[in-house]
C-alpha atoms as a PDB file:
ATOM      1  CA  UNK A   1       3.078  51.323 -24.515  1.00  0.00           C
ATOM      2  CA  UNK A   2       6.505  49.710 -24.780  1.00  0.00           C
ATOM      3  CA  UNK A   3       7.513  51.235 -21.420  1.00  0.00           C
ATOM      4  CA  UNK A   4       4.404  49.777 -19.814  1.00  0.00           C
ATOM      5  CA  UNK A   5       5.195  46.349 -21.272  1.00  0.00           C
ATOM      6  CA  UNK A   6       8.729  46.562 -19.902  1.00  0.00           C
ATOM      7  CA  UNK A   7       7.323  47.429 -16.442  1.00  0.00           C
ATOM      8  CA  UNK A   8       4.993  44.435 -16.576  1.00  0.00           C
ATOM      9  CA  UNK A   9       7.875  42.214 -17.729  1.00  0.00           C
ATOM     10  CA  UNK A  10      10.036  43.410 -14.815  1.00  0.00           C
ATOM     11  CA  UNK A  11       7.254  42.795 -12.359  1.00  0.00           C
ATOM     12  CA  UNK A  12       6.785  39.325 -13.858  1.00  0.00           C
ATOM     13  CA  UNK A  13      10.495  38.493 -13.470  1.00  0.00           C
ATOM     14  CA  UNK A  14      10.603  39.779  -9.898  1.00  0.00           C
ATOM     15  CA  UNK A  15       7.794  37.513  -8.758  1.00  0.00           C
ATOM     16  CA  UNK A  16       8.744  34.532  -6.683  1.00  0.00           C
ATOM     17  CA  UNK A  17       8.863  31.402  -8.790  1.00  0.00           C
ATOM     18  CA  UNK A  18       6.498  28.596  -7.943  1.00  0.00           C
ATOM     19  CA  UNK A  19       8.375  25.362  -7.201  1.00  0.00           C
ATOM     20  CA  UNK A  20       5.389  23.260  -8.265  1.00  0.00           C
ATOM     21  CA  UNK A  21       5.390  21.926 -11.777  1.00  0.00           C
ATOM     22  CA  UNK A  22       1.977  20.523 -12.677  1.00  0.00           C
ATOM     23  CA  UNK A  23       3.441  18.248 -15.365  1.00  0.00           C
ATOM     24  CA  UNK A  24       5.821  16.633 -12.893  1.00  0.00           C
ATOM     25  CA  UNK A  25       3.007  16.257 -10.365  1.00  0.00           C
ATOM     26  CA  UNK A  26       0.701  14.599 -12.894  1.00  0.00           C
ATOM     27  CA  UNK A  27       3.496  12.264 -14.034  1.00  0.00           C
ATOM     28  CA  UNK A  28       4.128  11.247 -10.424  1.00  0.00           C
ATOM     29  CA  UNK A  29       0.424  10.609  -9.885  1.00  0.00           C
ATOM     30  CA  UNK A  30       0.201   8.570 -13.101  1.00  0.00           C
ATOM     31  CA  UNK A  31       3.285   6.551 -12.130  1.00  0.00           C
ATOM     32  CA  UNK A  32       1.758   5.911  -8.718  1.00  0.00           C
ATOM     33  CA  UNK A  33      -1.455   4.737 -10.369  1.00  0.00           C
ATOM     34  CA  UNK A  34       0.496   2.289 -12.575  1.00  0.00           C
ATOM     35  CA  UNK A  35       2.319   0.938  -9.518  1.00  0.00           C
ATOM     36  CA  UNK A  36      -1.023   0.518  -7.719  1.00  0.00           C
ATOM     37  CA  UNK A  37      -2.457  -1.421 -10.687  1.00  0.00           C
ATOM     38  CA  UNK A  38       0.583  -3.718 -10.620  1.00  0.00           C
ATOM     39  CA  UNK A  39       0.187  -4.195  -6.865  1.00  0.00           C
ATOM     40  CA  UNK A  40      -3.469  -5.101  -7.301  1.00  0.00           C
ATOM     41  CA  UNK A  41      -2.686  -7.645 -10.012  1.00  0.00           C
ATOM     42  CA  UNK A  42       0.264  -9.147  -8.136  1.00  0.00           C
ATOM     43  CA  UNK A  43      -1.457  -9.443  -4.768  1.00  0.00           C
ATOM     44  CA  UNK A  44      -4.666 -10.795  -6.322  1.00  0.00           C
ATOM     45  CA  UNK A  45      -2.761 -13.460  -8.263  1.00  0.00           C
ATOM     46  CA  UNK A  46      -0.701 -14.461  -5.219  1.00  0.00           C
ATOM     47  CA  UNK A  47      -3.896 -14.637  -3.137  1.00  0.00           C
ATOM     48  CA  UNK A  48      -5.691 -16.814  -5.692  1.00  0.00           C
ATOM     49  CA  UNK A  49      -2.641 -19.103  -6.016  1.00  0.00           C
ATOM     50  CA  UNK A  50      -2.264 -19.432  -2.247  1.00  0.00           C
ATOM     51  CA  UNK A  51      -5.948 -20.146  -1.652  1.00  0.00           C
ATOM     52  CA  UNK A  52      -6.003 -22.658  -4.536  1.00  0.00           C
ATOM     53  CA  UNK A  53      -2.821 -24.397  -3.303  1.00  0.00           C
ATOM     54  CA  UNK A  54      -4.049 -24.612   0.269  1.00  0.00           C
ATOM     55  CA  UNK A  55      -7.461 -25.858  -0.807  1.00  0.00           C
ATOM     56  CA  UNK A  56      -6.109 -28.565  -3.119  1.00  0.00           C
ATOM     57  CA  UNK A  57      -2.978 -29.707  -1.266  1.00  0.00           C
ATOM     58  CA  UNK A  58      -3.811 -29.556   2.434  1.00  0.00           C
ATOM     59  CA  UNK A  59      -5.882 -31.990   4.420  1.00  0.00           C
ATOM     60  CA  UNK A  60      -9.145 -30.856   5.897  1.00  0.00           C
ATOM     61  CA  UNK A  61      -7.933 -30.994   9.462  1.00  0.00           C
ATOM     62  CA  UNK A  62      -9.192 -28.346  11.873  1.00  0.00           C
ATOM     63  CA  UNK A  63      -5.698 -26.814  12.009  1.00  0.00           C
ATOM     64  CA  UNK A  64      -5.563 -26.391   8.229  1.00  0.00           C
ATOM     65  CA  UNK A  65      -9.098 -25.079   7.997  1.00  0.00           C
ATOM     66  CA  UNK A  66      -8.356 -22.486  10.691  1.00  0.00           C
ATOM     67  CA  UNK A  67      -5.106 -21.536   8.932  1.00  0.00           C
ATOM     68  CA  UNK A  68      -6.930 -21.266   5.635  1.00  0.00           C
ATOM     69  CA  UNK A  69      -9.588 -18.988   7.143  1.00  0.00           C
ATOM     70  CA  UNK A  70      -6.982 -16.724   8.829  1.00  0.00           C
ATOM     71  CA  UNK A  71      -4.994 -16.457   5.612  1.00  0.00           C
ATOM     72  CA  UNK A  72      -8.120 -15.715   3.601  1.00  0.00           C
ATOM     73  CA  UNK A  73      -9.108 -12.963   6.076  1.00  0.00           C
ATOM     74  CA  UNK A  74      -5.569 -11.561   5.843  1.00  0.00           C
ATOM     75  CA  UNK A  75      -5.732 -11.452   2.034  1.00  0.00           C
ATOM     76  CA  UNK A  76      -9.124  -9.738   2.156  1.00  0.00           C
ATOM     77  CA  UNK A  77      -7.814  -7.146   4.612  1.00  0.00           C
ATOM     78  CA  UNK A  78      -5.301  -6.151   1.942  1.00  0.00           C
ATOM     79  CA  UNK A  79      -7.341  -6.685  -1.218  1.00  0.00           C
ATOM     80  CA  UNK A  80     -10.579  -4.935  -0.273  1.00  0.00           C
ATOM     81  CA  UNK A  81      -9.012  -1.545   0.574  1.00  0.00           C
ATOM     82  CA  UNK A  82      -6.596  -1.883  -2.331  1.00  0.00           C
ATOM     83  CA  UNK A  83      -9.470  -2.230  -4.796  1.00  0.00           C
ATOM     84  CA  UNK A  84     -11.827   0.217  -3.037  1.00  0.00           C
ATOM     85  CA  UNK A  85      -9.249   3.013  -2.819  1.00  0.00           C
ATOM     86  CA  UNK A  86      -9.433   4.703  -6.201  1.00  0.00           C
ATOM     87  CA  UNK A  87      -9.949   8.149  -7.630  1.00  0.00           C
ATOM     88  CA  UNK A  88     -12.468   9.088 -10.282  1.00  0.00           C
ATOM     89  CA  UNK A  89     -10.794  11.173 -12.946  1.00  0.00           C
ATOM     90  CA  UNK A  90     -14.103  12.257 -14.466  1.00  0.00           C
ATOM     91  CA  UNK A  91     -14.654  15.108 -12.011  1.00  0.00           C
ATOM     92  CA  UNK A  92     -15.062  18.493 -13.608  1.00  0.00           C
ATOM     93  CA  UNK A  93     -14.387  20.252 -10.328  1.00  0.00           C
ATOM     94  CA  UNK A  94     -10.637  20.744  -9.760  1.00  0.00           C
ATOM     95  CA  UNK A  95     -10.974  21.240  -6.017  1.00  0.00           C
ATOM     96  CA  UNK A  96     -12.923  18.015  -5.624  1.00  0.00           C
ATOM     97  CA  UNK A  97     -10.348  16.157  -7.748  1.00  0.00           C
ATOM     98  CA  UNK A  98      -7.506  17.512  -5.597  1.00  0.00           C
ATOM     99  CA  UNK A  99      -9.319  16.561  -2.384  1.00  0.00           C
ATOM    100  CA  UNK A 100      -9.938  13.068  -3.730  1.00  0.00           C
ATOM    101  CA  UNK A 101      -6.257  12.717  -4.678  1.00  0.00           C
ATOM    102  CA  UNK A 102      -5.162  13.787  -1.204  1.00  0.00           C
ATOM    103  CA  UNK A 103      -7.595  11.339   0.423  1.00  0.00           C
ATOM    104  CA  UNK A 104      -6.461   8.575  -1.949  1.00  0.00           C
ATOM    105  CA  UNK A 105      -2.800   9.139  -1.061  1.00  0.00           C
ATOM    106  CA  UNK A 106      -3.557   9.194   2.670  1.00  0.00           C
ATOM    107  CA  UNK A 107      -5.504   5.934   2.411  1.00  0.00           C
ATOM    108  CA  UNK A 108      -2.587   4.439   0.483  1.00  0.00           C
ATOM    109  CA  UNK A 109      -0.268   5.310   3.337  1.00  0.00           C
ATOM    110  CA  UNK A 110      -2.707   3.909   5.877  1.00  0.00           C
ATOM    111  CA  UNK A 111      -2.977   0.668   3.883  1.00  0.00           C
ATOM    112  CA  UNK A 112       0.686  -0.151   4.315  1.00  0.00           C
ATOM    113  CA  UNK A 113       0.823   1.018   7.921  1.00  0.00           C
ATOM    114  CA  UNK A 114      -2.245  -0.755   9.315  1.00  0.00           C
ATOM    115  CA  UNK A 115      -3.574  -3.351   6.863  1.00  0.00           C
ATOM    116  CA  UNK A 116      -0.206  -4.848   5.993  1.00  0.00           C
ATOM    117  CA  UNK A 117       0.639  -5.186   9.701  1.00  0.00           C
ATOM    118  CA  UNK A 118      -2.656  -6.988  10.349  1.00  0.00           C
ATOM    119  CA  UNK A 119      -1.960  -9.226   7.329  1.00  0.00           C
ATOM    120  CA  UNK A 120       1.522 -10.065   8.622  1.00  0.00           C
ATOM    121  CA  UNK A 121       0.133 -11.005  12.047  1.00  0.00           C
ATOM    122  CA  UNK A 122      -2.614 -13.174  10.541  1.00  0.00           C
ATOM    123  CA  UNK A 123      -0.129 -14.781   8.127  1.00  0.00           C
ATOM    124  CA  UNK A 124       2.317 -15.733  10.897  1.00  0.00           C
ATOM    125  CA  UNK A 125      -0.540 -16.944  13.112  1.00  0.00           C
ATOM    126  CA  UNK A 126      -1.919 -19.074  10.234  1.00  0.00           C
ATOM    127  CA  UNK A 127       1.529 -20.496   9.568  1.00  0.00           C
ATOM    128  CA  UNK A 128       2.019 -21.403  13.215  1.00  0.00           C
ATOM    129  CA  UNK A 129      -1.394 -23.082  13.401  1.00  0.00           C
ATOM    130  CA  UNK A 130      -0.645 -25.033  10.195  1.00  0.00           C
ATOM    131  CA  UNK A 131       2.681 -26.146  11.689  1.00  0.00           C
ATOM    132  CA  UNK A 132       0.877 -27.348  14.814  1.00  0.00           C
ATOM    133  CA  UNK A 133      -1.399 -29.503  12.732  1.00  0.00           C
ATOM    134  CA  UNK A 134       1.143 -30.758  10.230  1.00  0.00           C
ATOM    135  CA  UNK A 135       4.011 -31.490  12.593  1.00  0.00           C
ATOM    136  CA  UNK A 136       2.163 -32.639  15.686  1.00  0.00           C
ATOM    137  CA  UNK A 137       4.238 -35.765  15.997  1.00  0.00           C
ATOM    138  CA  UNK A 138       7.637 -34.044  15.663  1.00  0.00           C
ATOM    139  CA  UNK A 139      10.048 -33.929  18.542  1.00  0.00           C
ATOM    140  CA  UNK A 140       9.968 -30.841  20.687  1.00  0.00           C
ATOM    141  CA  UNK A 141      13.220 -29.457  19.234  1.00  0.00           C
ATOM    142  CA  UNK A 142      11.959 -29.478  15.639  1.00  0.00           C
ATOM    143  CA  UNK A 143       8.624 -28.047  16.648  1.00  0.00           C
ATOM    144  CA  UNK A 144      10.354 -25.184  18.499  1.00  0.00           C
ATOM    145  CA  UNK A 145      12.655 -24.684  15.492  1.00  0.00           C
ATOM    146  CA  UNK A 146       9.678 -24.335  13.122  1.00  0.00           C
ATOM    147  CA  UNK A 147       7.927 -21.853  15.369  1.00  0.00           C
ATOM    148  CA  UNK A 148      11.177 -19.932  15.871  1.00  0.00           C
ATOM    149  CA  UNK A 149      11.483 -19.674  12.063  1.00  0.00           C
ATOM    150  CA  UNK A 150       8.081 -17.986  11.984  1.00  0.00           C
ATOM    151  CA  UNK A 151       9.340 -15.470  14.516  1.00  0.00           C
ATOM    152  CA  UNK A 152      12.281 -14.733  12.218  1.00  0.00           C
ATOM    153  CA  UNK A 153       9.869 -14.488   9.267  1.00  0.00           C
ATOM    154  CA  UNK A 154       7.753 -12.039  11.291  1.00  0.00           C
ATOM    155  CA  UNK A 155      10.827  -9.874  12.005  1.00  0.00           C
ATOM    156  CA  UNK A 156      11.820  -9.905   8.319  1.00  0.00           C
ATOM    157  CA  UNK A 157       8.298  -8.990   7.199  1.00  0.00           C
ATOM    158  CA  UNK A 158       8.066  -6.287   9.870  1.00  0.00           C
ATOM    159  CA  UNK A 159      11.357  -4.727   8.748  1.00  0.00           C
ATOM    160  CA  UNK A 160      10.241  -4.928   5.105  1.00  0.00           C
ATOM    161  CA  UNK A 161       6.968  -3.232   6.036  1.00  0.00           C
ATOM    162  CA  UNK A 162       8.830  -0.428   7.842  1.00  0.00           C
ATOM    163  CA  UNK A 163      11.038   0.060   4.784  1.00  0.00           C
ATOM    164  CA  UNK A 164       7.914   0.203   2.635  1.00  0.00           C
ATOM    165  CA  UNK A 165       6.423   2.809   4.971  1.00  0.00           C
ATOM    166  CA  UNK A 166       9.544   4.951   4.638  1.00  0.00           C
ATOM    167  CA  UNK A 167       9.468   4.615   0.844  1.00  0.00           C
ATOM    168  CA  UNK A 168       5.786   5.514   0.738  1.00  0.00           C
ATOM    169  CA  UNK A 169       6.317   8.509   3.014  1.00  0.00           C
ATOM    170  CA  UNK A 170       9.241   9.678   0.897  1.00  0.00           C
ATOM    171  CA  UNK A 171       7.124   9.441  -2.265  1.00  0.00           C
ATOM    172  CA  UNK A 172       3.632  10.288  -1.040  1.00  0.00           C
ATOM    173  CA  UNK A 173       4.153  13.067   1.509  1.00  0.00           C
ATOM    174  CA  UNK A 174       5.630  15.509  -1.079  1.00  0.00           C
ATOM    175  CA  UNK A 175       2.705  14.726  -3.387  1.00  0.00           C
ATOM    176  CA  UNK A 176       0.210  15.357  -0.597  1.00  0.00           C
ATOM    177  CA  UNK A 177       1.945  18.607   0.309  1.00  0.00           C
ATOM    178  CA  UNK A 178       1.993  19.737  -3.321  1.00  0.00           C
ATOM    179  CA  UNK A 179      -1.697  18.974  -3.728  1.00  0.00           C
ATOM    180  CA  UNK A 180      -2.529  20.785  -0.491  1.00  0.00           C
ATOM    181  CA  UNK A 181      -0.549  23.809  -1.711  1.00  0.00           C
ATOM    182  CA  UNK A 182      -2.523  23.764  -4.964  1.00  0.00           C
ATOM    183  CA  UNK A 183      -5.738  23.566  -2.971  1.00  0.00           C
ATOM    184  CA  UNK A 184      -4.722  26.551  -0.842  1.00  0.00           C
ATOM    185  CA  UNK A 185      -3.899  28.623  -3.936  1.00  0.00           C
ATOM    186  CA  UNK A 186      -7.326  28.050  -5.477  1.00  0.00           C
END
C-alpha cells in the first residue's frame, strides 16, 4: 500500500504544473470590476456636469444646440455600452460563466477601441461648432488659433486612447487567454 502511494506521489510530482491560479484570476476579475464601477461613476458624473453646465450657461443659439446634441450623443455612445456590458455572477453553469466573462472582456476592449474614438470625434466636432458660434466676430487669426487648439486636443486624446488600448490589451488579453484555457480544459 505504501509503495502504491509513493508511485502515485511520484506521478503527481512529475505532472506538468498548471500556470493558472484560479485565485489570482478571480482577484484580477474582481479588480477589473471595481475599476469598471469607478469608470461608470466618473463618466456618468462628468456627463451630468457637462450637460448641466452647457444647458445653464450657454445661449440657445443654433451652434450651441448642435454642440449640445453632439456632445450628448457622444456621452451616450460611451455610457450605454458601459452600463449594458456586465456579467451575471448568479450562473450555476461554470462554462456559461466563463463564456460570459470572455465576452464581457472582449466588449470592454471594443468599448475603448471604437466607442471612445467616436466620442473623441464628436467631442472635437462639438467644440469646433461651439467655437464657431461663440467667436463668430473674432479676427481670422484667433479663430484659426482656436480651431488649431482643437486639433491639438484631438491628437492628445487620440494618443491617450491608444495608450489606454495598450493598457487594456496588456491587462485583458491574458485574462481572456486564461479563461479560454479553462474553457478548453472543461
